């Protein structure tokens, strides 16, 4: 779940994005100051909490880091407005430092590599098309559930017949400044520790 607030640009609304969907095909249902947004199949796309500043301490604008305290407060507002949807949110970091333990050729694509990436709690198989990816590198991994600065949601996928569970990121994909002319993935130095969160604005 991604949470956004832009008091000046949008108004006093806390926006909760659960899934992406076609903006032209959605249904809404109101629960007091909360609007629940679903697609025609009944899947929840998100919620808008109006008069947000009466419930939350908000400053600035843009994406808000969701921690346990904020999640619990959102759940309290849901209950107060008689909305009993469960919010089963994975609060673990979605952008982490990974270590490429193995790289092999993709069996069906010359320009793709199949990488095994240690992210601490598990080893992820990630198909990568960057020419500079290699074994024994520390890299930034966008795990399943991550939302890229571009708005892309990372989901399990299959690339030319090979499963891929995450994304090894470039500087530009991470929205980092001053990356003009740089190509390939972002290779980290040894000051970074495997599994530590990597902050993305």
N, C-alpha and C. Protein backbone atom coordinates (compact mmCIF):
# COMPACT_ATOMS: atom_id res chain seq x y z
N UNK A 1 0.85 -1.19 0.00
CA UNK A 1 0.00 0.00 0.00
C UNK A 1 0.88 1.24 0.00
N UNK A 2 0.60 2.18 -0.89
CA UNK A 2 1.30 3.45 -0.95
C UNK A 2 0.37 4.57 -0.49
N UNK A 3 0.92 5.51 0.27
CA UNK A 3 0.12 6.58 0.85
C UNK A 3 0.69 7.92 0.38
N UNK A 4 -0.20 8.82 -0.04
CA UNK A 4 0.21 10.12 -0.57
C UNK A 4 -0.61 11.23 0.07
N UNK A 5 0.03 12.40 0.18
CA UNK A 5 -0.68 13.59 0.66
C UNK A 5 -0.11 14.82 -0.05
N UNK A 6 -1.01 15.65 -0.56
CA UNK A 6 -0.61 16.91 -1.20
C UNK A 6 -1.68 17.94 -0.87
N UNK A 7 -1.56 18.55 0.30
CA UNK A 7 -2.58 19.46 0.79
C UNK A 7 -2.81 20.64 -0.11
N UNK A 8 -1.74 21.19 -0.70
CA UNK A 8 -1.89 22.38 -1.55
C UNK A 8 -2.41 22.01 -2.94
N UNK A 9 -1.90 20.93 -3.47
CA UNK A 9 -2.26 20.59 -4.85
C UNK A 9 -3.58 19.85 -5.00
N UNK A 10 -3.90 18.99 -4.04
CA UNK A 10 -5.09 18.14 -4.15
C UNK A 10 -6.16 18.53 -3.13
N UNK A 11 -5.72 18.94 -1.95
CA UNK A 11 -6.65 19.22 -0.87
C UNK A 11 -6.33 18.34 0.32
N UNK A 12 -7.13 18.46 1.34
CA UNK A 12 -6.87 17.76 2.60
C UNK A 12 -7.34 16.31 2.52
N UNK A 13 -6.65 15.55 1.68
CA UNK A 13 -7.04 14.16 1.41
C UNK A 13 -5.81 13.26 1.53
N UNK A 14 -5.93 12.24 2.35
CA UNK A 14 -4.90 11.20 2.42
C UNK A 14 -5.30 10.11 1.44
N UNK A 15 -4.44 9.85 0.46
CA UNK A 15 -4.75 8.89 -0.60
C UNK A 15 -4.00 7.59 -0.38
N UNK A 16 -4.72 6.49 -0.28
CA UNK A 16 -4.15 5.17 -0.08
C UNK A 16 -4.31 4.37 -1.38
N UNK A 17 -3.20 4.01 -1.99
CA UNK A 17 -3.24 3.21 -3.21
C UNK A 17 -2.91 1.77 -2.88
N UNK A 18 -3.87 0.88 -3.09
CA UNK A 18 -3.67 -0.54 -2.82
C UNK A 18 -3.22 -1.27 -4.08
N UNK A 19 -3.90 -0.99 -5.18
CA UNK A 19 -3.56 -1.57 -6.48
C UNK A 19 -3.75 -0.51 -7.55
N UNK A 20 -3.07 -0.69 -8.68
CA UNK A 20 -3.29 0.17 -9.82
C UNK A 20 -4.47 -0.36 -10.61
N UNK A 21 -5.13 0.52 -11.34
CA UNK A 21 -6.28 0.10 -12.13
C UNK A 21 -6.62 1.14 -13.16
N UNK A 22 -7.54 0.80 -14.05
CA UNK A 22 -8.00 1.71 -15.08
C UNK A 22 -8.80 2.84 -14.43
N UNK A 23 -8.32 4.06 -14.58
CA UNK A 23 -8.98 5.19 -13.95
C UNK A 23 -10.39 5.44 -14.50
N UNK A 24 -10.66 4.91 -15.67
CA UNK A 24 -11.98 5.11 -16.27
C UNK A 24 -12.97 4.02 -15.86
N UNK A 25 -12.49 3.00 -15.15
CA UNK A 25 -13.35 1.90 -14.75
C UNK A 25 -13.20 1.64 -13.25
N UNK A 26 -13.92 2.41 -12.45
CA UNK A 26 -13.86 2.19 -11.02
C UNK A 26 -15.20 2.57 -10.38
N UNK A 27 -15.43 2.04 -9.22
CA UNK A 27 -16.64 2.31 -8.45
C UNK A 27 -16.24 2.89 -7.11
N UNK A 28 -17.10 3.73 -6.53
CA UNK A 28 -16.79 4.32 -5.23
C UNK A 28 -17.93 4.06 -4.26
N UNK A 29 -17.56 3.99 -2.99
CA UNK A 29 -18.53 3.81 -1.92
C UNK A 29 -18.06 4.64 -0.73
N UNK A 30 -18.95 5.44 -0.17
CA UNK A 30 -18.57 6.37 0.90
C UNK A 30 -18.89 5.81 2.28
N UNK A 31 -17.93 6.01 3.18
CA UNK A 31 -18.08 5.67 4.59
C UNK A 31 -17.66 6.90 5.38
N UNK A 32 -18.59 7.78 5.66
CA UNK A 32 -18.26 9.03 6.35
C UNK A 32 -17.28 9.84 5.52
N UNK A 33 -16.10 10.08 6.08
CA UNK A 33 -15.09 10.87 5.37
C UNK A 33 -14.17 10.01 4.50
N UNK A 34 -14.49 8.73 4.37
CA UNK A 34 -13.66 7.83 3.56
C UNK A 34 -14.40 7.41 2.30
N UNK A 35 -13.71 7.48 1.17
CA UNK A 35 -14.23 6.94 -0.08
C UNK A 35 -13.42 5.71 -0.45
N UNK A 36 -14.11 4.59 -0.58
CA UNK A 36 -13.48 3.34 -0.98
C UNK A 36 -13.59 3.21 -2.49
N UNK A 37 -12.49 2.84 -3.15
CA UNK A 37 -12.44 2.77 -4.61
C UNK A 37 -12.17 1.32 -5.02
N UNK A 38 -13.02 0.77 -5.85
CA UNK A 38 -12.86 -0.60 -6.33
C UNK A 38 -12.98 -0.65 -7.85
N UNK A 39 -12.53 -1.75 -8.44
CA UNK A 39 -12.77 -1.95 -9.87
C UNK A 39 -14.08 -2.71 -10.04
N UNK A 40 -14.56 -2.87 -11.26
CA UNK A 40 -15.85 -3.56 -11.47
C UNK A 40 -15.88 -5.00 -10.96
N UNK A 41 -14.70 -5.61 -10.77
CA UNK A 41 -14.65 -6.98 -10.27
C UNK A 41 -14.68 -7.03 -8.73
N UNK A 42 -14.67 -5.87 -8.10
CA UNK A 42 -14.74 -5.82 -6.65
C UNK A 42 -13.40 -5.75 -5.94
N UNK A 43 -12.32 -5.71 -6.70
CA UNK A 43 -10.99 -5.59 -6.09
C UNK A 43 -10.77 -4.17 -5.59
N UNK A 44 -10.22 -4.03 -4.41
CA UNK A 44 -9.97 -2.70 -3.84
C UNK A 44 -8.76 -2.07 -4.50
N UNK A 45 -8.96 -0.87 -5.05
CA UNK A 45 -7.87 -0.12 -5.65
C UNK A 45 -7.26 0.86 -4.65
N UNK A 46 -8.10 1.40 -3.76
CA UNK A 46 -7.57 2.35 -2.78
C UNK A 46 -8.66 3.01 -1.98
N UNK A 47 -8.23 3.97 -1.17
CA UNK A 47 -9.15 4.74 -0.33
C UNK A 47 -8.70 6.19 -0.32
N UNK A 48 -9.66 7.10 -0.25
CA UNK A 48 -9.37 8.51 -0.01
C UNK A 48 -9.96 8.88 1.34
N UNK A 49 -9.12 9.40 2.23
CA UNK A 49 -9.58 9.84 3.54
C UNK A 49 -9.62 11.37 3.52
N UNK A 50 -10.82 11.93 3.49
CA UNK A 50 -10.99 13.38 3.44
C UNK A 50 -10.88 13.97 4.86
N UNK A 51 -10.65 15.29 4.90
CA UNK A 51 -10.41 15.98 6.17
C UNK A 51 -9.28 15.29 6.93
N UNK A 52 -8.26 14.93 6.19
CA UNK A 52 -7.19 14.09 6.73
C UNK A 52 -6.47 14.75 7.90
N UNK A 53 -6.31 16.06 7.85
CA UNK A 53 -5.55 16.74 8.91
C UNK A 53 -6.25 16.69 10.26
N UNK A 54 -7.54 16.32 10.29
CA UNK A 54 -8.22 16.16 11.57
C UNK A 54 -7.87 14.83 12.22
N UNK A 55 -7.31 13.92 11.45
CA UNK A 55 -6.95 12.59 11.95
C UNK A 55 -5.44 12.38 12.07
N UNK A 56 -4.68 13.03 11.19
CA UNK A 56 -3.25 12.75 11.09
C UNK A 56 -2.44 14.03 11.18
N UNK A 57 -1.21 13.92 11.64
CA UNK A 57 -0.26 15.03 11.61
C UNK A 57 0.48 14.96 10.29
N UNK A 58 0.17 15.90 9.39
CA UNK A 58 0.69 15.85 8.03
C UNK A 58 1.46 17.11 7.71
N UNK A 59 2.56 16.95 7.01
CA UNK A 59 3.35 18.10 6.55
C UNK A 59 3.98 17.74 5.22
N UNK A 60 4.28 18.75 4.44
CA UNK A 60 4.88 18.51 3.14
C UNK A 60 3.90 17.89 2.17
N UNK A 61 4.43 17.33 1.10
CA UNK A 61 3.58 16.71 0.10
C UNK A 61 4.33 15.57 -0.57
N UNK A 62 3.56 14.65 -1.14
CA UNK A 62 4.15 13.51 -1.84
C UNK A 62 3.90 12.21 -1.10
N UNK A 63 4.75 11.25 -1.38
CA UNK A 63 4.60 9.92 -0.79
C UNK A 63 5.00 9.93 0.68
N UNK A 64 4.24 9.21 1.49
CA UNK A 64 4.48 9.13 2.93
C UNK A 64 4.93 7.72 3.29
N UNK A 65 5.97 7.64 4.10
CA UNK A 65 6.43 6.34 4.56
C UNK A 65 5.40 5.74 5.52
N UNK A 66 4.98 4.53 5.25
CA UNK A 66 3.97 3.86 6.07
C UNK A 66 4.68 3.03 7.14
N UNK A 67 4.53 3.44 8.40
CA UNK A 67 5.06 2.65 9.50
C UNK A 67 3.90 2.10 10.33
N UNK A 68 4.21 1.37 11.36
CA UNK A 68 3.17 0.73 12.16
C UNK A 68 2.26 1.75 12.82
N UNK A 69 2.83 2.89 13.26
CA UNK A 69 2.03 3.92 13.92
C UNK A 69 0.99 4.50 12.96
N UNK A 70 1.41 4.83 11.75
CA UNK A 70 0.48 5.38 10.76
C UNK A 70 -0.56 4.34 10.38
N UNK A 71 -0.14 3.10 10.18
CA UNK A 71 -1.08 2.05 9.80
C UNK A 71 -2.15 1.86 10.87
N UNK A 72 -1.74 1.87 12.13
CA UNK A 72 -2.71 1.71 13.22
C UNK A 72 -3.68 2.88 13.28
N UNK A 73 -3.19 4.09 13.00
CA UNK A 73 -4.07 5.26 12.99
C UNK A 73 -5.08 5.18 11.86
N UNK A 74 -4.64 4.71 10.70
CA UNK A 74 -5.57 4.54 9.57
C UNK A 74 -6.65 3.52 9.94
N UNK A 75 -6.24 2.43 10.59
CA UNK A 75 -7.21 1.42 11.01
C UNK A 75 -8.22 2.01 12.00
N UNK A 76 -7.77 2.88 12.89
CA UNK A 76 -8.68 3.53 13.84
C UNK A 76 -9.71 4.39 13.12
N UNK A 77 -9.25 5.12 12.10
CA UNK A 77 -10.18 5.96 11.32
C UNK A 77 -11.19 5.08 10.58
N UNK A 78 -10.73 3.96 10.04
CA UNK A 78 -11.65 3.03 9.37
C UNK A 78 -12.76 2.61 10.33
N UNK A 79 -12.38 2.18 11.53
CA UNK A 79 -13.37 1.71 12.50
C UNK A 79 -14.32 2.83 12.88
N UNK A 80 -13.79 4.05 13.08
CA UNK A 80 -14.62 5.19 13.46
C UNK A 80 -15.65 5.52 12.39
N UNK A 81 -15.30 5.24 11.14
CA UNK A 81 -16.21 5.55 10.02
C UNK A 81 -17.01 4.31 9.60
N UNK A 82 -16.98 3.27 10.43
CA UNK A 82 -17.76 2.05 10.20
C UNK A 82 -17.35 1.33 8.91
N UNK A 83 -16.06 1.41 8.60
CA UNK A 83 -15.49 0.67 7.47
C UNK A 83 -14.63 -0.44 8.06
N UNK A 84 -15.02 -1.68 7.82
CA UNK A 84 -14.38 -2.80 8.50
C UNK A 84 -13.50 -3.63 7.56
N UNK A 85 -12.95 -2.99 6.55
CA UNK A 85 -11.98 -3.67 5.68
C UNK A 85 -10.69 -3.91 6.46
N UNK A 86 -10.10 -5.07 6.25
CA UNK A 86 -8.82 -5.35 6.89
C UNK A 86 -7.70 -4.76 6.03
N UNK A 87 -6.72 -4.20 6.69
CA UNK A 87 -5.56 -3.66 5.99
C UNK A 87 -4.35 -4.53 6.33
N UNK A 88 -4.17 -5.57 5.54
CA UNK A 88 -3.03 -6.47 5.74
C UNK A 88 -1.86 -5.96 4.91
N UNK A 89 -1.07 -5.10 5.53
CA UNK A 89 0.00 -4.40 4.81
C UNK A 89 1.36 -4.93 5.26
N UNK A 90 2.19 -5.28 4.30
CA UNK A 90 3.55 -5.71 4.58
C UNK A 90 4.41 -4.45 4.75
N UNK A 91 4.88 -4.21 5.96
CA UNK A 91 5.65 -3.00 6.26
C UNK A 91 7.15 -3.17 6.07
N UNK A 92 7.58 -4.34 5.63
CA UNK A 92 9.01 -4.54 5.41
C UNK A 92 9.48 -3.66 4.25
N UNK A 93 10.75 -3.22 4.26
CA UNK A 93 11.27 -2.34 3.20
C UNK A 93 11.14 -3.00 1.83
N UNK A 94 10.76 -2.21 0.85
CA UNK A 94 10.59 -2.75 -0.50
C UNK A 94 11.79 -2.46 -1.40
N UNK A 95 12.63 -1.51 -1.00
CA UNK A 95 13.88 -1.25 -1.71
C UNK A 95 15.02 -1.60 -0.76
N UNK A 96 15.82 -2.59 -1.12
CA UNK A 96 16.88 -3.06 -0.23
C UNK A 96 18.17 -3.28 -1.01
N UNK A 97 19.26 -3.38 -0.26
CA UNK A 97 20.55 -3.72 -0.85
C UNK A 97 20.61 -5.23 -1.03
N UNK A 98 20.94 -5.65 -2.24
CA UNK A 98 21.08 -7.07 -2.55
C UNK A 98 22.49 -7.40 -3.00
N UNK A 99 22.81 -8.68 -2.97
CA UNK A 99 24.13 -9.15 -3.42
C UNK A 99 23.92 -10.23 -4.47
N UNK A 100 24.48 -10.01 -5.65
CA UNK A 100 24.33 -10.96 -6.76
C UNK A 100 25.25 -12.14 -6.51
N UNK A 101 24.66 -13.27 -6.15
CA UNK A 101 25.46 -14.46 -5.85
C UNK A 101 25.74 -15.30 -7.09
N UNK A 102 24.92 -15.13 -8.12
CA UNK A 102 25.12 -15.92 -9.34
C UNK A 102 24.48 -15.21 -10.53
N UNK A 103 25.10 -15.34 -11.66
CA UNK A 103 24.56 -14.80 -12.92
C UNK A 103 24.74 -15.86 -13.99
N UNK A 104 23.65 -16.15 -14.70
CA UNK A 104 23.73 -17.12 -15.79
C UNK A 104 23.00 -16.58 -17.01
N UNK A 105 23.31 -17.14 -18.15
CA UNK A 105 22.68 -16.71 -19.39
C UNK A 105 21.22 -17.13 -19.42
N UNK A 106 20.38 -16.26 -19.97
CA UNK A 106 18.97 -16.60 -20.18
C UNK A 106 18.87 -17.57 -21.36
N UNK A 107 18.09 -18.61 -21.17
CA UNK A 107 18.03 -19.67 -22.20
C UNK A 107 17.31 -19.23 -23.47
N UNK A 108 16.51 -18.16 -23.39
CA UNK A 108 15.72 -17.75 -24.55
C UNK A 108 15.97 -16.32 -25.01
N UNK A 109 16.97 -15.65 -24.43
CA UNK A 109 17.22 -14.26 -24.80
C UNK A 109 18.68 -13.91 -24.57
N UNK A 110 19.37 -13.53 -25.63
CA UNK A 110 20.80 -13.24 -25.54
C UNK A 110 21.12 -12.05 -24.66
N UNK A 111 20.21 -11.07 -24.61
CA UNK A 111 20.51 -9.82 -23.88
C UNK A 111 19.99 -9.83 -22.45
N UNK A 112 19.45 -10.95 -21.99
CA UNK A 112 18.96 -11.05 -20.62
C UNK A 112 19.83 -12.01 -19.82
N UNK A 113 19.98 -11.71 -18.53
CA UNK A 113 20.70 -12.58 -17.61
C UNK A 113 19.78 -12.99 -16.48
N UNK A 114 19.98 -14.19 -15.97
CA UNK A 114 19.20 -14.68 -14.83
C UNK A 114 20.11 -14.59 -13.60
N UNK A 115 19.70 -13.74 -12.64
CA UNK A 115 20.53 -13.48 -11.47
C UNK A 115 19.88 -14.05 -10.21
N UNK A 116 20.73 -14.56 -9.33
CA UNK A 116 20.29 -14.94 -7.99
C UNK A 116 20.81 -13.85 -7.05
N UNK A 117 19.88 -13.23 -6.32
CA UNK A 117 20.23 -12.06 -5.53
C UNK A 117 19.86 -12.27 -4.07
N UNK A 118 20.85 -12.24 -3.21
CA UNK A 118 20.65 -12.39 -1.77
C UNK A 118 20.19 -11.05 -1.20
N UNK A 119 18.99 -11.02 -0.59
CA UNK A 119 18.48 -9.80 0.03
C UNK A 119 18.35 -9.97 1.54
N UNK A 120 19.07 -10.93 2.08
CA UNK A 120 19.09 -11.14 3.52
C UNK A 120 18.14 -12.22 3.97
N UNK A 121 16.85 -11.97 3.84
CA UNK A 121 15.85 -12.93 4.30
C UNK A 121 15.59 -14.04 3.29
N UNK A 122 16.03 -13.83 2.05
CA UNK A 122 15.78 -14.80 0.98
C UNK A 122 16.69 -14.50 -0.19
N UNK A 123 16.74 -15.44 -1.12
CA UNK A 123 17.45 -15.21 -2.38
C UNK A 123 16.42 -15.15 -3.50
N UNK A 124 16.44 -14.05 -4.24
CA UNK A 124 15.46 -13.81 -5.29
C UNK A 124 16.07 -14.11 -6.66
N UNK A 125 15.29 -14.75 -7.52
CA UNK A 125 15.69 -14.89 -8.92
C UNK A 125 15.14 -13.69 -9.68
N UNK A 126 16.04 -12.93 -10.30
CA UNK A 126 15.65 -11.73 -11.02
C UNK A 126 16.26 -11.76 -12.41
N UNK A 127 15.43 -11.61 -13.41
CA UNK A 127 15.91 -11.50 -14.79
C UNK A 127 16.26 -10.04 -15.05
N UNK A 128 17.47 -9.81 -15.54
CA UNK A 128 17.97 -8.45 -15.71
C UNK A 128 18.55 -8.27 -17.11
N UNK A 129 18.28 -7.12 -17.71
CA UNK A 129 18.77 -6.85 -19.06
C UNK A 129 19.93 -5.89 -19.12
N UNK A 130 20.44 -5.45 -17.96
CA UNK A 130 21.54 -4.50 -17.95
C UNK A 130 22.86 -5.18 -18.34
N UNK A 131 23.62 -4.53 -19.19
CA UNK A 131 24.88 -5.12 -19.66
C UNK A 131 25.93 -5.18 -18.56
N UNK A 132 25.81 -4.34 -17.53
CA UNK A 132 26.86 -4.27 -16.51
C UNK A 132 26.57 -5.10 -15.27
N UNK A 133 25.47 -5.85 -15.25
CA UNK A 133 25.19 -6.69 -14.08
C UNK A 133 26.14 -7.88 -14.06
N UNK A 134 26.62 -8.24 -12.85
CA UNK A 134 27.55 -9.36 -12.76
C UNK A 134 27.53 -9.96 -11.36
N UNK A 135 28.09 -11.13 -11.24
CA UNK A 135 28.21 -11.81 -9.95
C UNK A 135 29.08 -10.99 -9.00
N UNK A 136 28.80 -11.11 -7.71
CA UNK A 136 29.57 -10.46 -6.64
C UNK A 136 29.42 -8.94 -6.62
N UNK A 137 28.28 -8.44 -7.08
CA UNK A 137 27.98 -7.01 -6.99
C UNK A 137 26.93 -6.76 -5.90
N UNK A 138 27.05 -5.61 -5.26
CA UNK A 138 25.97 -5.12 -4.41
C UNK A 138 25.13 -4.17 -5.24
N UNK A 139 23.80 -4.37 -5.17
CA UNK A 139 22.89 -3.65 -6.05
C UNK A 139 21.65 -3.22 -5.25
N UNK A 140 20.86 -2.34 -5.85
CA UNK A 140 19.58 -1.96 -5.25
C UNK A 140 18.49 -2.83 -5.86
N UNK A 141 17.73 -3.50 -5.00
CA UNK A 141 16.66 -4.39 -5.46
C UNK A 141 15.31 -3.80 -5.07
N UNK A 142 14.43 -3.69 -6.05
CA UNK A 142 13.03 -3.37 -5.79
C UNK A 142 12.29 -4.70 -5.64
N UNK A 143 11.81 -4.98 -4.45
CA UNK A 143 11.15 -6.26 -4.18
C UNK A 143 9.70 -6.23 -4.66
N UNK A 144 9.07 -7.39 -4.68
CA UNK A 144 7.66 -7.47 -5.03
C UNK A 144 6.86 -6.56 -4.10
N UNK A 145 6.00 -5.74 -4.69
CA UNK A 145 5.20 -4.79 -3.91
C UNK A 145 5.76 -3.39 -3.92
N UNK A 146 7.00 -3.22 -4.38
CA UNK A 146 7.59 -1.87 -4.45
C UNK A 146 6.90 -1.05 -5.54
N UNK A 147 6.82 0.24 -5.30
CA UNK A 147 6.33 1.17 -6.31
C UNK A 147 7.48 2.06 -6.73
N UNK A 148 7.85 2.01 -8.00
CA UNK A 148 8.95 2.81 -8.50
C UNK A 148 8.55 4.28 -8.56
N UNK A 149 9.52 5.20 -8.54
CA UNK A 149 9.19 6.62 -8.68
C UNK A 149 8.35 6.93 -9.92
N UNK A 150 8.46 6.10 -10.95
CA UNK A 150 7.67 6.28 -12.17
C UNK A 150 6.21 5.89 -11.98
N UNK A 151 5.92 5.19 -10.89
CA UNK A 151 4.57 4.68 -10.65
C UNK A 151 4.43 3.20 -10.95
N UNK A 152 5.45 2.61 -11.57
CA UNK A 152 5.42 1.18 -11.88
C UNK A 152 5.39 0.36 -10.60
N UNK A 153 4.48 -0.61 -10.52
CA UNK A 153 4.38 -1.50 -9.37
C UNK A 153 5.11 -2.80 -9.71
N UNK A 154 6.02 -3.22 -8.82
CA UNK A 154 6.80 -4.42 -9.07
C UNK A 154 5.98 -5.65 -8.67
N UNK A 155 5.79 -6.54 -9.63
CA UNK A 155 5.01 -7.76 -9.42
C UNK A 155 5.80 -8.96 -9.95
N UNK A 156 5.46 -10.16 -9.48
CA UNK A 156 6.10 -11.35 -10.07
C UNK A 156 5.78 -11.42 -11.56
N UNK A 157 6.76 -11.78 -12.35
CA UNK A 157 6.53 -11.85 -13.78
C UNK A 157 7.36 -12.99 -14.38
N UNK A 158 7.14 -13.23 -15.64
CA UNK A 158 7.93 -14.21 -16.38
C UNK A 158 8.46 -13.52 -17.63
N UNK A 159 9.77 -13.53 -17.81
CA UNK A 159 10.40 -12.87 -18.95
C UNK A 159 11.00 -13.92 -19.87
N UNK A 160 10.39 -14.06 -21.03
CA UNK A 160 10.81 -15.05 -22.03
C UNK A 160 10.90 -16.44 -21.41
N UNK A 161 9.90 -16.76 -20.59
CA UNK A 161 9.78 -18.10 -20.05
C UNK A 161 10.48 -18.35 -18.73
N UNK A 162 11.14 -17.33 -18.17
CA UNK A 162 11.88 -17.51 -16.92
C UNK A 162 11.26 -16.61 -15.85
N UNK A 163 10.89 -17.16 -14.68
CA UNK A 163 10.29 -16.36 -13.61
C UNK A 163 11.28 -15.31 -13.07
N UNK A 164 10.73 -14.14 -12.75
CA UNK A 164 11.53 -13.05 -12.19
C UNK A 164 10.75 -12.43 -11.05
N UNK A 165 11.42 -12.26 -9.90
CA UNK A 165 10.74 -11.80 -8.69
C UNK A 165 11.43 -10.59 -8.10
N UNK A 166 11.29 -9.48 -8.77
CA UNK A 166 11.90 -8.24 -8.33
C UNK A 166 12.61 -7.55 -9.48
N UNK A 167 13.33 -6.49 -9.15
CA UNK A 167 14.00 -5.71 -10.18
C UNK A 167 15.32 -5.18 -9.62
N UNK A 168 16.40 -5.36 -10.38
CA UNK A 168 17.68 -4.74 -10.06
C UNK A 168 17.67 -3.37 -10.72
N UNK A 169 17.89 -2.31 -9.94
CA UNK A 169 17.56 -0.96 -10.40
C UNK A 169 18.77 -0.17 -10.89
N UNK A 170 18.49 0.71 -11.83
CA UNK A 170 19.46 1.72 -12.26
C UNK A 170 19.22 3.00 -11.47
N UNK A 171 20.16 3.92 -11.56
CA UNK A 171 20.01 5.20 -10.86
C UNK A 171 18.79 5.95 -11.37
N UNK A 172 18.59 5.95 -12.69
CA UNK A 172 17.46 6.69 -13.25
C UNK A 172 16.13 6.08 -12.82
N UNK A 173 16.06 4.76 -12.75
CA UNK A 173 14.82 4.10 -12.30
C UNK A 173 14.51 4.43 -10.85
N UNK A 174 15.55 4.72 -10.06
CA UNK A 174 15.37 5.07 -8.65
C UNK A 174 15.08 6.56 -8.46
N UNK A 175 15.11 7.31 -9.57
CA UNK A 175 14.83 8.74 -9.48
C UNK A 175 15.97 9.55 -8.90
N UNK A 176 17.20 9.01 -8.96
CA UNK A 176 18.35 9.72 -8.40
C UNK A 176 18.77 10.86 -9.33
N UNK A 177 19.31 11.94 -8.77
CA UNK A 177 19.68 13.10 -9.59
C UNK A 177 21.01 12.88 -10.33
N UNK A 178 21.23 13.71 -11.34
CA UNK A 178 22.51 13.77 -12.05
C UNK A 178 22.94 12.42 -12.63
N UNK A 179 22.04 11.79 -13.36
CA UNK A 179 22.36 10.49 -13.93
C UNK A 179 22.41 10.52 -15.46
N UNK A 180 22.39 11.70 -16.03
CA UNK A 180 22.38 11.80 -17.49
C UNK A 180 23.63 11.13 -18.07
N UNK A 181 23.42 10.28 -19.03
CA UNK A 181 24.52 9.59 -19.69
C UNK A 181 24.94 8.29 -19.03
N UNK A 182 24.44 8.02 -17.81
CA UNK A 182 24.79 6.78 -17.12
C UNK A 182 23.85 5.66 -17.55
N UNK A 183 24.40 4.52 -17.84
CA UNK A 183 23.60 3.38 -18.28
C UNK A 183 23.86 2.19 -17.36
N UNK A 184 22.90 1.29 -17.35
CA UNK A 184 23.05 0.07 -16.57
C UNK A 184 22.57 0.22 -15.14
N UNK A 185 22.74 -0.85 -14.38
CA UNK A 185 22.27 -0.85 -13.00
C UNK A 185 23.20 -0.02 -12.11
N UNK A 186 22.70 0.34 -10.95
CA UNK A 186 23.47 1.09 -9.96
C UNK A 186 24.25 0.09 -9.12
N UNK A 187 25.57 0.10 -9.24
CA UNK A 187 26.43 -0.80 -8.49
C UNK A 187 26.91 -0.08 -7.23
N UNK A 188 26.62 -0.66 -6.08
CA UNK A 188 26.94 -0.04 -4.81
C UNK A 188 28.34 -0.42 -4.32
N UNK A 189 28.92 0.43 -3.50
CA UNK A 189 30.22 0.11 -2.92
C UNK A 189 30.04 -0.70 -1.63
N UNK A 190 31.14 -1.06 -1.01
CA UNK A 190 31.09 -1.95 0.14
C UNK A 190 30.65 -1.28 1.44
N UNK A 191 30.36 0.02 1.38
CA UNK A 191 29.83 0.69 2.58
C UNK A 191 28.38 0.28 2.84
N UNK A 192 27.73 -0.33 1.86
CA UNK A 192 26.35 -0.78 2.00
C UNK A 192 26.33 -2.21 2.48
N UNK A 193 25.36 -2.51 3.34
CA UNK A 193 25.21 -3.86 3.89
C UNK A 193 24.02 -4.56 3.24
N UNK A 194 24.19 -5.82 2.93
CA UNK A 194 23.10 -6.61 2.34
C UNK A 194 21.89 -6.58 3.25
N UNK A 195 20.73 -6.36 2.66
CA UNK A 195 19.43 -6.36 3.31
C UNK A 195 19.07 -5.01 3.93
N UNK A 196 20.00 -4.07 3.99
CA UNK A 196 19.63 -2.78 4.56
C UNK A 196 18.69 -2.04 3.62
N UNK A 197 17.74 -1.25 4.15
CA UNK A 197 16.83 -0.51 3.29
C UNK A 197 17.57 0.52 2.46
N UNK A 198 17.10 0.76 1.26
CA UNK A 198 17.62 1.82 0.40
C UNK A 198 16.50 2.82 0.23
N UNK A 199 16.74 4.05 0.66
CA UNK A 199 15.68 5.05 0.67
C UNK A 199 15.48 5.61 -0.74
N UNK A 200 14.21 5.59 -1.17
CA UNK A 200 13.83 6.12 -2.48
C UNK A 200 12.76 7.16 -2.24
N UNK A 201 12.94 8.38 -2.79
CA UNK A 201 11.93 9.43 -2.61
C UNK A 201 10.72 9.15 -3.47
